[in-house]
Amino acid sequence: MLFPMALVWMSISLAETNRTPFDFAEGESELVSGFNVEYSSGGFALIFMAEYASILFMSMLFCVIFLGCDVFNLLFYMKLTFISFVFIWVRGTLPRFRYDKLMYLAWKCFLSFSLNYLLFFIGFKILLFSLL
């Protein structure tokens, strides 16, 4: 029942990690690598390691929340690898959003959808407990 919320979470995670559909800082200048041009080798490496660490962290949160969590199981790490692959796959396939489209998506679509989903589950819980 949480599949639609998983899609919303994945989109929000992409926006939070500044990946390609939502990478506005890099899309501003359209230079070689946008804002990263000013950094030399050490700072550049640290920035990119931090970006990919945030991708791994968001993938881990996705696995824990939606796919089940058992850190000592090999299946958990396979799920983590697959979700991280999806992050990189999206970068290669989706075009860049405009900033106003992201604001519309966040405020008009995701917020209303999430609140309605929350109200649905609260109503479902009240209905379930009233029948028992």
N, C-alpha and C. Protein backbone atom coordinates (compact mmCIF):
# COMPACT_ATOMS: atom_id res chain seq x y z
N MET A 1 0.81 -1.20 0.00
CA MET A 1 0.00 0.00 0.00
C MET A 1 0.85 1.27 0.00
N LEU A 2 2.12 1.14 0.28
CA LEU A 2 2.98 2.31 0.35
C LEU A 2 3.77 2.56 -0.93
N PHE A 3 3.44 1.88 -2.01
CA PHE A 3 4.18 2.07 -3.26
C PHE A 3 4.12 3.52 -3.77
N PRO A 4 2.95 4.19 -3.75
CA PRO A 4 2.94 5.59 -4.20
C PRO A 4 3.81 6.49 -3.32
N MET A 5 3.83 6.23 -2.02
CA MET A 5 4.68 7.04 -1.15
C MET A 5 6.15 6.75 -1.40
N ALA A 6 6.47 5.52 -1.81
CA ALA A 6 7.86 5.20 -2.15
C ALA A 6 8.30 5.99 -3.38
N LEU A 7 7.42 6.16 -4.34
CA LEU A 7 7.76 6.97 -5.52
C LEU A 7 7.95 8.44 -5.15
N VAL A 8 7.10 8.94 -4.26
CA VAL A 8 7.25 10.32 -3.79
C VAL A 8 8.57 10.47 -3.05
N TRP A 9 8.89 9.49 -2.19
CA TRP A 9 10.15 9.55 -1.42
C TRP A 9 11.35 9.51 -2.36
N MET A 10 11.29 8.70 -3.40
CA MET A 10 12.40 8.62 -4.34
C MET A 10 12.60 9.95 -5.05
N SER A 11 11.50 10.60 -5.46
CA SER A 11 11.62 11.91 -6.12
C SER A 11 12.17 12.96 -5.16
N ILE A 12 11.71 12.92 -3.92
CA ILE A 12 12.21 13.88 -2.94
C ILE A 12 13.68 13.62 -2.64
N SER A 13 14.08 12.36 -2.61
CA SER A 13 15.49 12.04 -2.38
C SER A 13 16.36 12.53 -3.53
N LEU A 14 15.86 12.40 -4.75
CA LEU A 14 16.60 12.93 -5.90
C LEU A 14 16.76 14.44 -5.80
N ALA A 15 15.72 15.12 -5.36
CA ALA A 15 15.81 16.57 -5.21
C ALA A 15 16.75 16.95 -4.07
N GLU A 16 16.74 16.18 -2.99
CA GLU A 16 17.57 16.49 -1.84
C GLU A 16 19.06 16.26 -2.13
N THR A 17 19.36 15.26 -2.93
CA THR A 17 20.76 14.98 -3.25
C THR A 17 21.24 15.76 -4.48
N ASN A 18 20.40 16.63 -5.02
CA ASN A 18 20.75 17.47 -6.18
C ASN A 18 21.18 16.64 -7.39
N ARG A 19 20.43 15.60 -7.67
CA ARG A 19 20.70 14.80 -8.85
C ARG A 19 20.04 15.42 -10.07
N THR A 20 20.26 14.87 -11.23
CA THR A 20 20.00 15.52 -12.51
C THR A 20 18.62 16.11 -12.73
N PRO A 21 17.52 15.48 -12.42
CA PRO A 21 16.29 16.23 -12.71
C PRO A 21 16.16 17.51 -11.90
N PHE A 22 16.85 17.57 -10.75
CA PHE A 22 16.70 18.70 -9.85
C PHE A 22 18.02 19.38 -9.52
N ASP A 23 19.02 19.32 -10.39
CA ASP A 23 20.33 19.89 -10.07
C ASP A 23 20.41 21.34 -10.56
N PHE A 24 19.82 22.22 -9.81
CA PHE A 24 19.73 23.62 -10.23
C PHE A 24 21.04 24.37 -10.04
N ALA A 25 21.84 24.00 -9.05
CA ALA A 25 23.11 24.69 -8.84
C ALA A 25 24.06 24.45 -10.01
N GLU A 26 24.03 23.25 -10.56
CA GLU A 26 24.89 22.94 -11.68
C GLU A 26 24.31 23.46 -12.99
N GLY A 27 23.02 23.53 -13.09
CA GLY A 27 22.38 23.98 -14.31
C GLY A 27 22.41 25.48 -14.51
N GLU A 28 22.74 26.23 -13.46
CA GLU A 28 22.77 27.69 -13.56
C GLU A 28 23.81 28.16 -14.56
N SER A 29 25.04 27.68 -14.41
CA SER A 29 26.11 28.24 -15.21
C SER A 29 26.36 27.45 -16.50
N GLU A 30 26.01 26.18 -16.52
CA GLU A 30 26.22 25.33 -17.68
C GLU A 30 27.67 25.32 -18.13
N LEU A 31 28.58 25.43 -17.19
CA LEU A 31 29.99 25.32 -17.52
C LEU A 31 30.38 23.85 -17.53
N VAL A 32 31.65 23.59 -17.40
CA VAL A 32 32.13 22.21 -17.42
C VAL A 32 31.43 21.39 -16.35
N SER A 33 31.44 21.87 -15.12
CA SER A 33 30.74 21.17 -14.04
C SER A 33 30.07 22.18 -13.13
N GLY A 34 29.67 23.31 -13.65
CA GLY A 34 28.94 24.27 -12.86
C GLY A 34 29.77 24.90 -11.77
N PHE A 35 29.31 24.78 -10.55
CA PHE A 35 29.97 25.42 -9.42
C PHE A 35 31.26 24.72 -9.01
N ASN A 36 31.54 23.53 -9.52
CA ASN A 36 32.74 22.78 -9.13
C ASN A 36 34.01 23.24 -9.84
N VAL A 37 33.91 24.16 -10.77
CA VAL A 37 35.08 24.60 -11.54
C VAL A 37 36.11 25.28 -10.64
N GLU A 38 35.65 25.91 -9.57
CA GLU A 38 36.55 26.68 -8.72
C GLU A 38 37.40 25.82 -7.80
N TYR A 39 37.11 24.55 -7.69
CA TYR A 39 37.81 23.70 -6.74
C TYR A 39 38.94 22.94 -7.42
N SER A 40 40.03 22.75 -6.68
CA SER A 40 41.14 21.95 -7.21
C SER A 40 40.90 20.49 -6.86
N SER A 41 41.90 19.66 -7.03
CA SER A 41 41.72 18.22 -6.95
C SER A 41 41.22 17.74 -5.59
N GLY A 42 41.77 18.23 -4.50
CA GLY A 42 41.37 17.74 -3.18
C GLY A 42 39.96 18.14 -2.82
N GLY A 43 39.62 19.40 -3.00
CA GLY A 43 38.26 19.86 -2.70
C GLY A 43 37.23 19.25 -3.62
N PHE A 44 37.60 19.10 -4.89
CA PHE A 44 36.72 18.48 -5.88
C PHE A 44 36.40 17.04 -5.50
N ALA A 45 37.44 16.29 -5.07
CA ALA A 45 37.24 14.89 -4.67
C ALA A 45 36.36 14.80 -3.43
N LEU A 46 36.56 15.72 -2.47
CA LEU A 46 35.73 15.70 -1.26
C LEU A 46 34.27 16.04 -1.56
N ILE A 47 34.05 16.97 -2.47
CA ILE A 47 32.68 17.32 -2.83
C ILE A 47 31.97 16.11 -3.47
N PHE A 48 32.64 15.44 -4.38
CA PHE A 48 32.00 14.31 -5.04
C PHE A 48 31.86 13.11 -4.12
N MET A 49 32.79 12.91 -3.21
CA MET A 49 32.62 11.83 -2.22
C MET A 49 31.43 12.12 -1.31
N ALA A 50 31.23 13.39 -0.95
CA ALA A 50 30.09 13.76 -0.13
C ALA A 50 28.78 13.58 -0.89
N GLU A 51 28.76 13.89 -2.18
CA GLU A 51 27.56 13.70 -2.98
C GLU A 51 27.17 12.23 -3.05
N TYR A 52 28.15 11.36 -3.30
CA TYR A 52 27.83 9.94 -3.40
C TYR A 52 27.57 9.32 -2.04
N ALA A 53 28.12 9.88 -0.97
CA ALA A 53 27.77 9.42 0.37
C ALA A 53 26.32 9.77 0.69
N SER A 54 25.87 10.94 0.24
CA SER A 54 24.46 11.28 0.45
C SER A 54 23.53 10.39 -0.37
N ILE A 55 23.97 9.98 -1.55
CA ILE A 55 23.17 9.02 -2.34
C ILE A 55 23.07 7.69 -1.61
N LEU A 56 24.18 7.22 -1.06
CA LEU A 56 24.14 5.96 -0.31
C LEU A 56 23.27 6.08 0.94
N PHE A 57 23.32 7.23 1.60
CA PHE A 57 22.50 7.42 2.78
C PHE A 57 21.02 7.44 2.44
N MET A 58 20.64 8.15 1.38
CA MET A 58 19.24 8.18 0.97
C MET A 58 18.77 6.82 0.48
N SER A 59 19.64 6.07 -0.16
CA SER A 59 19.30 4.71 -0.58
C SER A 59 19.09 3.82 0.63
N MET A 60 19.92 3.99 1.65
CA MET A 60 19.76 3.20 2.86
C MET A 60 18.44 3.55 3.56
N LEU A 61 18.10 4.84 3.63
CA LEU A 61 16.83 5.22 4.22
C LEU A 61 15.65 4.64 3.44
N PHE A 62 15.74 4.65 2.12
CA PHE A 62 14.68 4.07 1.30
C PHE A 62 14.52 2.58 1.60
N CYS A 63 15.64 1.88 1.70
CA CYS A 63 15.58 0.44 2.00
C CYS A 63 15.01 0.19 3.39
N VAL A 64 15.39 0.99 4.35
CA VAL A 64 14.90 0.79 5.72
C VAL A 64 13.41 1.08 5.80
N ILE A 65 12.96 2.15 5.18
CA ILE A 65 11.56 2.55 5.31
C ILE A 65 10.62 1.69 4.47
N PHE A 66 10.99 1.40 3.23
CA PHE A 66 10.05 0.79 2.31
C PHE A 66 10.34 -0.67 1.96
N LEU A 67 11.56 -1.12 2.06
CA LEU A 67 11.90 -2.46 1.59
C LEU A 67 12.27 -3.44 2.70
N GLY A 68 12.28 -3.02 3.92
CA GLY A 68 12.63 -3.90 5.02
C GLY A 68 14.11 -3.81 5.34
N CYS A 69 14.41 -3.94 6.62
CA CYS A 69 15.78 -3.70 7.07
C CYS A 69 16.29 -4.87 7.89
N ASP A 70 17.34 -5.48 7.42
CA ASP A 70 18.12 -6.44 8.19
C ASP A 70 19.57 -6.24 7.76
N VAL A 71 20.29 -5.44 8.52
CA VAL A 71 21.62 -5.00 8.12
C VAL A 71 22.59 -6.17 7.97
N PHE A 72 22.34 -7.26 8.67
CA PHE A 72 23.24 -8.40 8.62
C PHE A 72 22.89 -9.39 7.53
N ASN A 73 22.01 -9.01 6.63
CA ASN A 73 21.57 -9.87 5.55
C ASN A 73 22.14 -9.36 4.22
N LEU A 74 22.56 -10.25 3.36
CA LEU A 74 23.10 -9.87 2.06
C LEU A 74 22.03 -9.24 1.17
N LEU A 75 20.77 -9.64 1.35
CA LEU A 75 19.68 -9.09 0.55
C LEU A 75 19.52 -7.58 0.77
N PHE A 76 19.75 -7.12 2.00
CA PHE A 76 19.68 -5.68 2.29
C PHE A 76 20.69 -4.92 1.44
N TYR A 77 21.90 -5.43 1.32
CA TYR A 77 22.94 -4.75 0.54
C TYR A 77 22.67 -4.83 -0.95
N MET A 78 22.00 -5.88 -1.39
CA MET A 78 21.60 -5.96 -2.80
C MET A 78 20.52 -4.92 -3.10
N LYS A 79 19.57 -4.75 -2.16
CA LYS A 79 18.56 -3.71 -2.33
C LYS A 79 19.20 -2.32 -2.32
N LEU A 80 20.15 -2.12 -1.43
CA LEU A 80 20.86 -0.84 -1.34
C LEU A 80 21.59 -0.54 -2.65
N THR A 81 22.24 -1.54 -3.21
CA THR A 81 22.95 -1.37 -4.47
C THR A 81 21.98 -1.07 -5.61
N PHE A 82 20.83 -1.73 -5.63
CA PHE A 82 19.85 -1.48 -6.68
C PHE A 82 19.29 -0.07 -6.60
N ILE A 83 18.96 0.39 -5.41
CA ILE A 83 18.42 1.75 -5.26
C ILE A 83 19.48 2.79 -5.63
N SER A 84 20.73 2.53 -5.26
CA SER A 84 21.81 3.45 -5.67
C SER A 84 21.97 3.45 -7.18
N PHE A 85 21.81 2.29 -7.80
CA PHE A 85 21.85 2.21 -9.27
C PHE A 85 20.72 3.01 -9.88
N VAL A 86 19.54 2.99 -9.26
CA VAL A 86 18.40 3.76 -9.77
C VAL A 86 18.72 5.26 -9.73
N PHE A 87 19.40 5.71 -8.66
CA PHE A 87 19.81 7.12 -8.59
C PHE A 87 20.68 7.48 -9.79
N ILE A 88 21.64 6.64 -10.11
CA ILE A 88 22.56 6.93 -11.22
C ILE A 88 21.85 6.76 -12.56
N TRP A 89 20.95 5.82 -12.65
CA TRP A 89 20.20 5.57 -13.88
C TRP A 89 19.30 6.76 -14.22
N VAL A 90 18.67 7.33 -13.19
CA VAL A 90 17.81 8.49 -13.41
C VAL A 90 18.63 9.66 -13.95
N ARG A 91 19.86 9.78 -13.48
CA ARG A 91 20.72 10.87 -13.95
C ARG A 91 20.96 10.77 -15.46
N GLY A 92 21.06 9.57 -15.96
CA GLY A 92 21.33 9.38 -17.39
C GLY A 92 20.12 9.43 -18.27
N THR A 93 18.90 9.36 -17.70
CA THR A 93 17.73 9.25 -18.55
C THR A 93 16.77 10.43 -18.49
N LEU A 94 16.70 11.15 -17.39
CA LEU A 94 15.70 12.22 -17.28
C LEU A 94 16.29 13.58 -17.60
N PRO A 95 15.50 14.45 -18.22
CA PRO A 95 15.98 15.81 -18.48
C PRO A 95 15.87 16.67 -17.22
N ARG A 96 16.48 17.83 -17.27
CA ARG A 96 16.49 18.74 -16.12
C ARG A 96 15.16 19.49 -16.02
N PHE A 97 14.66 19.64 -14.79
CA PHE A 97 13.44 20.39 -14.52
C PHE A 97 13.74 21.88 -14.45
N ARG A 98 12.74 22.68 -14.67
CA ARG A 98 12.85 24.10 -14.36
C ARG A 98 12.51 24.29 -12.89
N TYR A 99 12.98 25.37 -12.31
CA TYR A 99 12.78 25.59 -10.88
C TYR A 99 11.31 25.76 -10.53
N ASP A 100 10.54 26.45 -11.37
CA ASP A 100 9.12 26.62 -11.08
C ASP A 100 8.35 25.31 -11.17
N LYS A 101 8.80 24.41 -12.04
CA LYS A 101 8.16 23.10 -12.12
C LYS A 101 8.41 22.28 -10.86
N LEU A 102 9.62 22.40 -10.28
CA LEU A 102 9.89 21.71 -9.03
C LEU A 102 9.03 22.26 -7.90
N MET A 103 8.86 23.55 -7.83
CA MET A 103 8.02 24.14 -6.78
C MET A 103 6.57 23.71 -6.95
N TYR A 104 6.09 23.65 -8.19
CA TYR A 104 4.74 23.17 -8.44
C TYR A 104 4.62 21.71 -8.02
N LEU A 105 5.61 20.91 -8.36
CA LEU A 105 5.58 19.49 -8.00
C LEU A 105 5.57 19.31 -6.49
N ALA A 106 6.38 20.08 -5.78
CA ALA A 106 6.48 19.92 -4.33
C ALA A 106 5.23 20.43 -3.62
N TRP A 107 4.77 21.62 -3.96
CA TRP A 107 3.69 22.22 -3.20
C TRP A 107 2.30 21.78 -3.65
N LYS A 108 2.12 21.62 -4.94
CA LYS A 108 0.78 21.29 -5.43
C LYS A 108 0.54 19.79 -5.53
N CYS A 109 1.56 19.02 -5.87
CA CYS A 109 1.36 17.59 -6.06
C CYS A 109 1.73 16.77 -4.83
N PHE A 110 3.01 16.87 -4.42
CA PHE A 110 3.49 16.01 -3.35
C PHE A 110 2.85 16.32 -2.00
N LEU A 111 2.68 17.59 -1.68
CA LEU A 111 2.11 17.94 -0.38
C LEU A 111 0.66 17.51 -0.29
N SER A 112 -0.13 17.79 -1.31
CA SER A 112 -1.54 17.38 -1.27
C SER A 112 -1.68 15.87 -1.30
N PHE A 113 -0.86 15.19 -2.09
CA PHE A 113 -0.90 13.73 -2.14
C PHE A 113 -0.54 13.12 -0.79
N SER A 114 0.51 13.63 -0.16
CA SER A 114 0.95 13.07 1.12
C SER A 114 -0.07 13.32 2.22
N LEU A 115 -0.65 14.50 2.25
CA LEU A 115 -1.67 14.78 3.27
C LEU A 115 -2.93 13.94 3.05
N ASN A 116 -3.34 13.76 1.82
CA ASN A 116 -4.50 12.91 1.55
C ASN A 116 -4.21 11.46 1.89
N TYR A 117 -3.01 11.00 1.63
CA TYR A 117 -2.63 9.64 1.99
C TYR A 117 -2.62 9.46 3.50
N LEU A 118 -2.15 10.48 4.22
CA LEU A 118 -2.16 10.44 5.67
C LEU A 118 -3.58 10.39 6.21
N LEU A 119 -4.46 11.21 5.68
CA LEU A 119 -5.86 11.20 6.10
C LEU A 119 -6.53 9.87 5.77
N PHE A 120 -6.18 9.28 4.65
CA PHE A 120 -6.72 7.97 4.29
C PHE A 120 -6.33 6.92 5.33
N PHE A 121 -5.06 6.90 5.73
CA PHE A 121 -4.62 5.90 6.70
C PHE A 121 -5.17 6.17 8.09
N ILE A 122 -5.35 7.43 8.46
CA ILE A 122 -5.99 7.73 9.74
C ILE A 122 -7.44 7.25 9.74
N GLY A 123 -8.15 7.54 8.65
CA GLY A 123 -9.53 7.05 8.53
C GLY A 123 -9.60 5.54 8.50
N PHE A 124 -8.66 4.91 7.82
CA PHE A 124 -8.63 3.44 7.76
C PHE A 124 -8.39 2.85 9.15
N LYS A 125 -7.50 3.48 9.92
CA LYS A 125 -7.22 3.01 11.28
C LYS A 125 -8.43 3.20 12.18
N ILE A 126 -9.11 4.32 12.08
CA ILE A 126 -10.32 4.55 12.89
C ILE A 126 -11.40 3.55 12.51
N LEU A 127 -11.58 3.31 11.23
CA LEU A 127 -12.58 2.34 10.77
C LEU A 127 -12.24 0.94 11.24
N LEU A 128 -10.98 0.57 11.19
CA LEU A 128 -10.55 -0.75 11.61
C LEU A 128 -10.79 -0.96 13.11
N PHE A 129 -10.44 0.05 13.92
CA PHE A 129 -10.63 -0.09 15.37
C PHE A 129 -12.09 0.00 15.78
N SER A 130 -12.93 0.68 14.98
CA SER A 130 -14.34 0.74 15.32
C SER A 130 -15.03 -0.59 15.02
N LEU A 131 -14.52 -1.34 14.05
CA LEU A 131 -15.08 -2.65 13.74
C LEU A 131 -14.67 -3.72 14.75
N LEU A 132 -13.53 -3.51 15.40
CA LEU A 132 -13.08 -4.49 16.40
C LEU A 132 -13.74 -4.17 17.70
